[in-house]
Full PDB file with SEQRES, HELIX, SHEET, SSBOND, CRYST1, ORIGX, SCALE, CONECT and MASTER records, all heavy atoms in Angstrom:
SEQRES   1 A   33  SER THR LEU ALA THR ALA LEU THR VAL ALA ARG THR PHE          
SEQRES   2 A   33  GLY SER TYR LEU GLU GLY PHE ALA VAL ARG VAL SER VAL          
SEQRES   3 A   33  PRO THR VAL VAL ALA MET ASP                                  
HELIX    1 AA1 THR A    2  PHE A   13  1                                  12    
HELIX    2 AA2 THR A   28  ALA A   31  1                                   4    
CRYST1    1.000    1.000    1.000  90.00  90.00  90.00 P 1           1          
ORIGX1      1.000000  0.000000  0.000000        0.00000                         
ORIGX2      0.000000  1.000000  0.000000        0.00000                         
ORIGX3      0.000000  0.000000  1.000000        0.00000                         
SCALE1      1.000000  0.000000  0.000000        0.00000                         
SCALE2      0.000000  1.000000  0.000000        0.00000                         
SCALE3      0.000000  0.000000  1.000000        0.00000                         
ATOM      1  N   SER A   1       4.461  -8.543  -4.272  1.00  0.00           N  
ATOM      2  CA  SER A   1       5.786  -8.788  -4.843  1.00  0.00           C  
ATOM      3  C   SER A   1       6.250  -7.596  -5.671  1.00  0.00           C  
ATOM      4  O   SER A   1       7.425  -7.219  -5.630  1.00  0.00           O  
ATOM      5  CB  SER A   1       5.767 -10.048  -5.710  1.00  0.00           C  
ATOM      6  OG  SER A   1       6.988 -10.204  -6.399  1.00  0.00           O  
ATOM      7  N   THR A   2       5.328  -6.986  -6.408  1.00  0.00           N  
ATOM      8  CA  THR A   2       5.675  -5.825  -7.226  1.00  0.00           C  
ATOM      9  C   THR A   2       6.166  -4.677  -6.359  1.00  0.00           C  
ATOM     10  O   THR A   2       7.182  -4.035  -6.651  1.00  0.00           O  
ATOM     11  CB  THR A   2       4.454  -5.378  -8.049  1.00  0.00           C  
ATOM     12  OG1 THR A   2       4.022  -6.459  -8.876  1.00  0.00           O  
ATOM     13  CG2 THR A   2       4.791  -4.176  -8.915  1.00  0.00           C  
ATOM     14  N   LEU A   3       5.458  -4.400  -5.283  1.00  0.00           N  
ATOM     15  CA  LEU A   3       5.849  -3.304  -4.386  1.00  0.00           C  
ATOM     16  C   LEU A   3       7.171  -3.613  -3.693  1.00  0.00           C  
ATOM     17  O   LEU A   3       8.020  -2.729  -3.529  1.00  0.00           O  
ATOM     18  CB  LEU A   3       4.748  -3.054  -3.366  1.00  0.00           C  
ATOM     19  CG  LEU A   3       3.464  -2.427  -3.927  1.00  0.00           C  
ATOM     20  CD1 LEU A   3       2.341  -2.492  -2.909  1.00  0.00           C  
ATOM     21  CD2 LEU A   3       3.714  -0.992  -4.365  1.00  0.00           C  
ATOM     22  N   ALA A   4       7.374  -4.877  -3.297  1.00  0.00           N  
ATOM     23  CA  ALA A   4       8.638  -5.250  -2.664  1.00  0.00           C  
ATOM     24  C   ALA A   4       9.797  -5.091  -3.635  1.00  0.00           C  
ATOM     25  O   ALA A   4      10.881  -4.613  -3.274  1.00  0.00           O  
ATOM     26  CB  ALA A   4       8.558  -6.694  -2.162  1.00  0.00           C  
ATOM     27  N   THR A   5       9.575  -5.466  -4.897  1.00  0.00           N  
ATOM     28  CA  THR A   5      10.614  -5.318  -5.922  1.00  0.00           C  
ATOM     29  C   THR A   5      10.923  -3.849  -6.167  1.00  0.00           C  
ATOM     30  O   THR A   5      12.088  -3.442  -6.261  1.00  0.00           O  
ATOM     31  CB  THR A   5      10.169  -5.998  -7.231  1.00  0.00           C  
ATOM     32  OG1 THR A   5       9.929  -7.391  -6.984  1.00  0.00           O  
ATOM     33  CG2 THR A   5      11.222  -5.843  -8.317  1.00  0.00           C  
ATOM     34  N   ALA A   6       9.874  -3.034  -6.279  1.00  0.00           N  
ATOM     35  CA  ALA A   6      10.065  -1.597  -6.489  1.00  0.00           C  
ATOM     36  C   ALA A   6      10.837  -0.972  -5.327  1.00  0.00           C  
ATOM     37  O   ALA A   6      11.719  -0.127  -5.519  1.00  0.00           O  
ATOM     38  CB  ALA A   6       8.718  -0.910  -6.658  1.00  0.00           C  
ATOM     39  N   LEU A   7      10.534  -1.391  -4.100  1.00  0.00           N  
ATOM     40  CA  LEU A   7      11.236  -0.856  -2.933  1.00  0.00           C  
ATOM     41  C   LEU A   7      12.703  -1.273  -2.904  1.00  0.00           C  
ATOM     42  O   LEU A   7      13.572  -0.491  -2.513  1.00  0.00           O  
ATOM     43  CB  LEU A   7      10.536  -1.318  -1.655  1.00  0.00           C  
ATOM     44  CG  LEU A   7       9.349  -0.466  -1.208  1.00  0.00           C  
ATOM     45  CD1 LEU A   7       8.564  -1.174  -0.114  1.00  0.00           C  
ATOM     46  CD2 LEU A   7       9.825   0.899  -0.715  1.00  0.00           C  
ATOM     47  N   THR A   8      12.981  -2.507  -3.332  1.00  0.00           N  
ATOM     48  CA  THR A   8      14.371  -2.957  -3.391  1.00  0.00           C  
ATOM     49  C   THR A   8      15.177  -2.083  -4.344  1.00  0.00           C  
ATOM     50  O   THR A   8      16.299  -1.663  -4.037  1.00  0.00           O  
ATOM     51  CB  THR A   8      14.440  -4.428  -3.843  1.00  0.00           C  
ATOM     52  OG1 THR A   8      13.774  -5.245  -2.876  1.00  0.00           O  
ATOM     53  CG2 THR A   8      15.875  -4.900  -3.979  1.00  0.00           C  
ATOM     54  N   VAL A   9      14.599  -1.777  -5.495  1.00  0.00           N  
ATOM     55  CA  VAL A   9      15.274  -0.915  -6.468  1.00  0.00           C  
ATOM     56  C   VAL A   9      15.398   0.505  -5.923  1.00  0.00           C  
ATOM     57  O   VAL A   9      16.439   1.159  -6.057  1.00  0.00           O  
ATOM     58  CB  VAL A   9      14.523  -0.917  -7.813  1.00  0.00           C  
ATOM     59  CG1 VAL A   9      15.165   0.056  -8.797  1.00  0.00           C  
ATOM     60  CG2 VAL A   9      14.491  -2.322  -8.401  1.00  0.00           C  
ATOM     61  N   ALA A  10      14.341   0.988  -5.273  1.00  0.00           N  
ATOM     62  CA  ALA A  10      14.353   2.350  -4.734  1.00  0.00           C  
ATOM     63  C   ALA A  10      15.424   2.523  -3.663  1.00  0.00           C  
ATOM     64  O   ALA A  10      16.072   3.569  -3.576  1.00  0.00           O  
ATOM     65  CB  ALA A  10      12.981   2.696  -4.161  1.00  0.00           C  
ATOM     66  N   ARG A  11      15.634   1.506  -2.861  1.00  0.00           N  
ATOM     67  CA  ARG A  11      16.684   1.581  -1.848  1.00  0.00           C  
ATOM     68  C   ARG A  11      18.071   1.597  -2.483  1.00  0.00           C  
ATOM     69  O   ARG A  11      18.996   2.230  -1.969  1.00  0.00           O  
ATOM     70  CB  ARG A  11      16.564   0.409  -0.882  1.00  0.00           C  
ATOM     71  CG  ARG A  11      15.352   0.486   0.040  1.00  0.00           C  
ATOM     72  CD  ARG A  11      15.436  -0.552   1.142  1.00  0.00           C  
ATOM     73  NE  ARG A  11      14.278  -0.469   2.037  1.00  0.00           N  
ATOM     74  CZ  ARG A  11      13.226  -1.278   1.970  1.00  0.00           C  
ATOM     75  NH1 ARG A  11      13.205  -2.227   1.051  1.00  0.00           N  
ATOM     76  NH2 ARG A  11      12.217  -1.145   2.805  1.00  0.00           N  
ATOM     77  N   THR A  12      18.209   0.911  -3.601  1.00  0.00           N  
ATOM     78  CA  THR A  12      19.496   0.878  -4.293  1.00  0.00           C  
ATOM     79  C   THR A  12      19.863   2.242  -4.844  1.00  0.00           C  
ATOM     80  O   THR A  12      21.015   2.681  -4.751  1.00  0.00           O  
ATOM     81  CB  THR A  12      19.453  -0.146  -5.452  1.00  0.00           C  
ATOM     82  OG1 THR A  12      19.183  -1.450  -4.917  1.00  0.00           O  
ATOM     83  CG2 THR A  12      20.773  -0.179  -6.211  1.00  0.00           C  
ATOM     84  N   PHE A  13      18.888   2.940  -5.401  1.00  0.00           N  
ATOM     85  CA  PHE A  13      19.166   4.191  -6.106  1.00  0.00           C  
ATOM     86  C   PHE A  13      18.681   5.445  -5.377  1.00  0.00           C  
ATOM     87  O   PHE A  13      18.884   6.558  -5.873  1.00  0.00           O  
ATOM     88  CB  PHE A  13      18.531   4.151  -7.504  1.00  0.00           C  
ATOM     89  CG  PHE A  13      19.106   3.095  -8.402  1.00  0.00           C  
ATOM     90  CD1 PHE A  13      18.429   1.913  -8.635  1.00  0.00           C  
ATOM     91  CD2 PHE A  13      20.347   3.275  -9.008  1.00  0.00           C  
ATOM     92  CE1 PHE A  13      18.954   0.925  -9.460  1.00  0.00           C  
ATOM     93  CE2 PHE A  13      20.881   2.299  -9.836  1.00  0.00           C  
ATOM     94  CZ  PHE A  13      20.186   1.114 -10.063  1.00  0.00           C  
ATOM     95  N   GLY A  14      18.037   5.280  -4.212  1.00  0.00           N  
ATOM     96  CA  GLY A  14      17.489   6.448  -3.529  1.00  0.00           C  
ATOM     97  C   GLY A  14      16.382   7.084  -4.345  1.00  0.00           C  
ATOM     98  O   GLY A  14      16.363   8.300  -4.556  1.00  0.00           O  
ATOM     99  N   SER A  15      15.412   6.266  -4.777  1.00  0.00           N  
ATOM    100  CA  SER A  15      14.413   6.697  -5.754  1.00  0.00           C  
ATOM    101  C   SER A  15      13.131   7.224  -5.118  1.00  0.00           C  
ATOM    102  O   SER A  15      12.756   6.836  -4.007  1.00  0.00           O  
ATOM    103  CB  SER A  15      14.047   5.521  -6.673  1.00  0.00           C  
ATOM    104  OG  SER A  15      15.186   4.869  -7.160  1.00  0.00           O  
ATOM    105  N   TYR A  16      12.449   8.057  -5.876  1.00  0.00           N  
ATOM    106  CA  TYR A  16      11.090   8.475  -5.561  1.00  0.00           C  
ATOM    107  C   TYR A  16      10.134   7.498  -6.238  1.00  0.00           C  
ATOM    108  O   TYR A  16      10.226   7.249  -7.445  1.00  0.00           O  
ATOM    109  CB  TYR A  16      10.835   9.896  -6.064  1.00  0.00           C  
ATOM    110  CG  TYR A  16       9.373  10.273  -6.108  1.00  0.00           C  
ATOM    111  CD1 TYR A  16       8.654  10.496  -4.931  1.00  0.00           C  
ATOM    112  CD2 TYR A  16       8.705  10.406  -7.323  1.00  0.00           C  
ATOM    113  CE1 TYR A  16       7.307  10.836  -4.969  1.00  0.00           C  
ATOM    114  CE2 TYR A  16       7.365  10.755  -7.377  1.00  0.00           C  
ATOM    115  CZ  TYR A  16       6.668  10.969  -6.196  1.00  0.00           C  
ATOM    116  OH  TYR A  16       5.335  11.300  -6.239  1.00  0.00           O  
ATOM    117  N   LEU A  17       9.225   6.915  -5.457  1.00  0.00           N  
ATOM    118  CA  LEU A  17       8.225   5.978  -5.960  1.00  0.00           C  
ATOM    119  C   LEU A  17       6.873   6.674  -6.043  1.00  0.00           C  
ATOM    120  O   LEU A  17       6.425   7.288  -5.070  1.00  0.00           O  
ATOM    121  CB  LEU A  17       8.092   4.778  -5.017  1.00  0.00           C  
ATOM    122  CG  LEU A  17       9.282   3.825  -4.905  1.00  0.00           C  
ATOM    123  CD1 LEU A  17       9.275   3.150  -3.540  1.00  0.00           C  
ATOM    124  CD2 LEU A  17       9.219   2.788  -6.010  1.00  0.00           C  
ATOM    125  N   GLU A  18       6.228   6.580  -7.204  1.00  0.00           N  
ATOM    126  CA  GLU A  18       4.882   7.135  -7.325  1.00  0.00           C  
ATOM    127  C   GLU A  18       3.915   6.048  -7.746  1.00  0.00           C  
ATOM    128  O   GLU A  18       4.136   5.344  -8.734  1.00  0.00           O  
ATOM    129  CB  GLU A  18       4.846   8.277  -8.340  1.00  0.00           C  
ATOM    130  CG  GLU A  18       3.459   8.920  -8.446  1.00  0.00           C  
ATOM    131  CD  GLU A  18       3.496  10.283  -9.117  1.00  0.00           C  
ATOM    132  OE1 GLU A  18       4.119  11.192  -8.540  1.00  0.00           O  
ATOM    133  OE2 GLU A  18       2.927  10.405 -10.220  1.00  0.00           O  
ATOM    134  N   GLY A  19       2.851   5.907  -6.969  1.00  0.00           N  
ATOM    135  CA  GLY A  19       1.821   4.938  -7.293  1.00  0.00           C  
ATOM    136  C   GLY A  19       0.571   5.619  -7.814  1.00  0.00           C  
ATOM    137  O   GLY A  19       0.333   6.794  -7.546  1.00  0.00           O  
ATOM    138  N   PHE A  20      -0.207   4.872  -8.568  1.00  0.00           N  
ATOM    139  CA  PHE A  20      -1.537   5.320  -8.970  1.00  0.00           C  
ATOM    140  C   PHE A  20      -2.382   4.084  -9.242  1.00  0.00           C  
ATOM    141  O   PHE A  20      -1.861   3.001  -9.524  1.00  0.00           O  
ATOM    142  CB  PHE A  20      -1.487   6.233 -10.204  1.00  0.00           C  
ATOM    143  CG  PHE A  20      -1.238   5.511 -11.508  1.00  0.00           C  
ATOM    144  CD1 PHE A  20      -2.294   5.091 -12.301  1.00  0.00           C  
ATOM    145  CD2 PHE A  20       0.053   5.257 -11.931  1.00  0.00           C  
ATOM    146  CE1 PHE A  20      -2.061   4.418 -13.490  1.00  0.00           C  
ATOM    147  CE2 PHE A  20       0.303   4.604 -13.113  1.00  0.00           C  
ATOM    148  CZ  PHE A  20      -0.764   4.166 -13.911  1.00  0.00           C  
ATOM    149  N   ALA A  21      -3.682   4.234  -9.137  1.00  0.00           N  
ATOM    150  CA  ALA A  21      -4.590   3.111  -9.342  1.00  0.00           C  
ATOM    151  C   ALA A  21      -4.863   2.913 -10.825  1.00  0.00           C  
ATOM    152  O   ALA A  21      -5.298   3.837 -11.515  1.00  0.00           O  
ATOM    153  CB  ALA A  21      -5.899   3.363  -8.594  1.00  0.00           C  
ATOM    154  N   VAL A  22      -4.590   1.699 -11.305  1.00  0.00           N  
ATOM    155  CA  VAL A  22      -4.945   1.350 -12.684  1.00  0.00           C  
ATOM    156  C   VAL A  22      -6.457   1.158 -12.716  1.00  0.00           C  
ATOM    157  O   VAL A  22      -7.014   0.316 -12.022  1.00  0.00           O  
ATOM    158  CB  VAL A  22      -4.241   0.056 -13.127  1.00  0.00           C  
ATOM    159  CG1 VAL A  22      -4.662  -0.320 -14.540  1.00  0.00           C  
ATOM    160  CG2 VAL A  22      -2.733   0.223 -13.056  1.00  0.00           C  
ATOM    161  N   ARG A  23      -7.122   1.968 -13.521  1.00  0.00           N  
ATOM    162  CA  ARG A  23      -8.590   1.960 -13.568  1.00  0.00           C  
ATOM    163  C   ARG A  23      -9.072   1.409 -14.897  1.00  0.00           C  
ATOM    164  O   ARG A  23      -8.641   1.870 -15.953  1.00  0.00           O  
ATOM    165  CB  ARG A  23      -9.132   3.377 -13.356  1.00  0.00           C  
ATOM    166  CG  ARG A  23      -8.890   3.900 -11.951  1.00  0.00           C  
ATOM    167  CD  ARG A  23      -8.932   5.418 -11.876  1.00  0.00           C  
ATOM    168  NE  ARG A  23     -10.086   6.000 -12.508  1.00  0.00           N  
ATOM    169  CZ  ARG A  23     -11.279   6.169 -11.924  1.00  0.00           C  
ATOM    170  NH1 ARG A  23     -11.454   5.763 -10.681  1.00  0.00           N  
ATOM    171  NH2 ARG A  23     -12.278   6.729 -12.563  1.00  0.00           N  
ATOM    172  N   VAL A  24      -9.938   0.424 -14.831  1.00  0.00           N  
ATOM    173  CA  VAL A  24     -10.491  -0.190 -16.044  1.00  0.00           C  
ATOM    174  C   VAL A  24     -11.352   0.829 -16.771  1.00  0.00           C  
ATOM    175  O   VAL A  24     -12.105   1.582 -16.152  1.00  0.00           O  
ATOM    176  CB  VAL A  24     -11.327  -1.429 -15.679  1.00  0.00           C  
ATOM    177  CG1 VAL A  24     -11.911  -2.076 -16.931  1.00  0.00           C  
ATOM    178  CG2 VAL A  24     -10.476  -2.423 -14.912  1.00  0.00           C  
ATOM    179  N   SER A  25     -11.244   0.867 -18.094  1.00  0.00           N  
ATOM    180  CA  SER A  25     -12.045   1.814 -18.871  1.00  0.00           C  
ATOM    181  C   SER A  25     -13.484   1.334 -18.980  1.00  0.00           C  
ATOM    182  O   SER A  25     -13.781   0.147 -18.865  1.00  0.00           O  
ATOM    183  CB  SER A  25     -11.451   1.991 -20.271  1.00  0.00           C  
ATOM    184  OG  SER A  25     -11.422   0.753 -20.942  1.00  0.00           O  
ATOM    185  N   VAL A  26     -14.391   2.291 -19.202  1.00  0.00           N  
ATOM    186  CA  VAL A  26     -15.811   1.969 -19.339  1.00  0.00           C  
ATOM    187  C   VAL A  26     -15.995   1.042 -20.533  1.00  0.00           C  
ATOM    188  O   VAL A  26     -15.516   1.339 -21.624  1.00  0.00           O  
ATOM    189  CB  VAL A  26     -16.642   3.249 -19.544  1.00  0.00           C  
ATOM    190  CG1 VAL A  26     -18.108   2.912 -19.747  1.00  0.00           C  
ATOM    191  CG2 VAL A  26     -16.467   4.169 -18.344  1.00  0.00           C  
ATOM    192  N   PRO A  27     -16.647  -0.096 -20.361  1.00  0.00           N  
ATOM    193  CA  PRO A  27     -16.858  -1.001 -21.484  1.00  0.00           C  
ATOM    194  C   PRO A  27     -17.591  -0.332 -22.629  1.00  0.00           C  
ATOM    195  O   PRO A  27     -18.381   0.596 -22.432  1.00  0.00           O  
ATOM    196  CB  PRO A  27     -17.718  -2.126 -20.880  1.00  0.00           C  
ATOM    197  CG  PRO A  27     -17.470  -2.044 -19.411  1.00  0.00           C  
ATOM    198  CD  PRO A  27     -17.214  -0.594 -19.116  1.00  0.00           C  
ATOM    199  N   THR A  28     -17.327  -0.783 -23.826  1.00  0.00           N  
ATOM    200  CA  THR A  28     -17.934  -0.189 -25.023  1.00  0.00           C  
ATOM    201  C   THR A  28     -19.446  -0.227 -24.951  1.00  0.00           C  
ATOM    202  O   THR A  28     -20.127   0.731 -25.323  1.00  0.00           O  
ATOM    203  CB  THR A  28     -17.463  -0.945 -26.282  1.00  0.00           C  
ATOM    204  OG1 THR A  28     -16.038  -0.892 -26.331  1.00  0.00           O  
ATOM    205  CG2 THR A  28     -18.044  -0.317 -27.538  1.00  0.00           C  
ATOM    206  N   VAL A  29     -20.008  -1.308 -24.427  1.00  0.00           N  
ATOM    207  CA  VAL A  29     -21.469  -1.412 -24.380  1.00  0.00           C  
ATOM    208  C   VAL A  29     -22.058  -0.347 -23.476  1.00  0.00           C  
ATOM    209  O   VAL A  29     -23.145   0.163 -23.717  1.00  0.00           O  
ATOM    210  CB  VAL A  29     -21.897  -2.810 -23.891  1.00  0.00           C  
ATOM    211  CG1 VAL A  29     -21.576  -3.865 -24.921  1.00  0.00           C  
ATOM    212  CG2 VAL A  29     -21.265  -3.163 -22.551  1.00  0.00           C  
ATOM    213  N   VAL A  30     -21.329   0.014 -22.419  1.00  0.00           N  
ATOM    214  CA  VAL A  30     -21.824   1.060 -21.529  1.00  0.00           C  
ATOM    215  C   VAL A  30     -21.637   2.417 -22.168  1.00  0.00           C  
ATOM    216  O   VAL A  30     -22.521   3.271 -22.141  1.00  0.00           O  
ATOM    217  CB  VAL A  30     -21.094   0.995 -20.172  1.00  0.00           C  
ATOM    218  CG1 VAL A  30     -21.515   2.165 -19.288  1.00  0.00           C  
ATOM    219  CG2 VAL A  30     -21.376  -0.332 -19.479  1.00  0.00           C  
ATOM    220  N   ALA A  31     -20.497   2.630 -22.793  1.00  0.00           N  
ATOM    221  CA  ALA A  31     -20.206   3.917 -23.423  1.00  0.00           C  
ATOM    222  C   ALA A  31     -21.198   4.228 -24.533  1.00  0.00           C  
ATOM    223  O   ALA A  31     -21.509   5.390 -24.802  1.00  0.00           O  
ATOM    224  CB  ALA A  31     -18.795   3.909 -23.986  1.00  0.00           C  
ATOM    225  N   MET A  32     -21.718   3.182 -25.199  1.00  0.00           N  
ATOM    226  CA  MET A  32     -22.664   3.375 -26.300  1.00  0.00           C  
ATOM    227  C   MET A  32     -24.108   3.372 -25.819  1.00  0.00           C  
ATOM    228  O   MET A  32     -25.054   3.369 -26.622  1.00  0.00           O  
ATOM    229  CB  MET A  32     -22.467   2.270 -27.346  1.00  0.00           C  
ATOM    230  CG  MET A  32     -21.104   2.302 -28.030  1.00  0.00           C  
ATOM    231  SD  MET A  32     -20.851   0.894 -29.126  1.00  0.00           S  
ATOM    232  CE  MET A  32     -22.150   1.196 -30.345  1.00  0.00           C  
ATOM    233  N   ASP A  33     -24.296   3.365 -24.494  1.00  0.00           N  
ATOM    234  CA  ASP A  33     -25.634   3.367 -23.895  1.00  0.00           C  
ATOM    235  C   ASP A  33     -26.452   2.142 -24.264  1.00  0.00           C  
ATOM    236  O   ASP A  33     -27.683   2.174 -24.261  1.00  0.00           O  
ATOM    237  CB  ASP A  33     -26.416   4.632 -24.295  1.00  0.00           C  
ATOM    238  CG  ASP A  33     -25.865   5.874 -23.625  1.00  0.00           C  
ATOM    239  OD1 ASP A  33     -25.327   5.731 -22.518  1.00  0.00           O  
ATOM    240  OD2 ASP A  33     -25.953   6.957 -24.215  1.00  0.00           O  
TER     241      ASP A  33                                                      
MASTER        0    0    0    2    0    0    0    6  240    1    0    3          
END                                                                             
């Protein structure tokens, strides 16, 4: 639904769409070894 909504807006304005992967951060317990 998010991508379909973004495309609907992009078609309206002739937009450039850029995607990227949302990456979960390393949990604190792992970061602290």
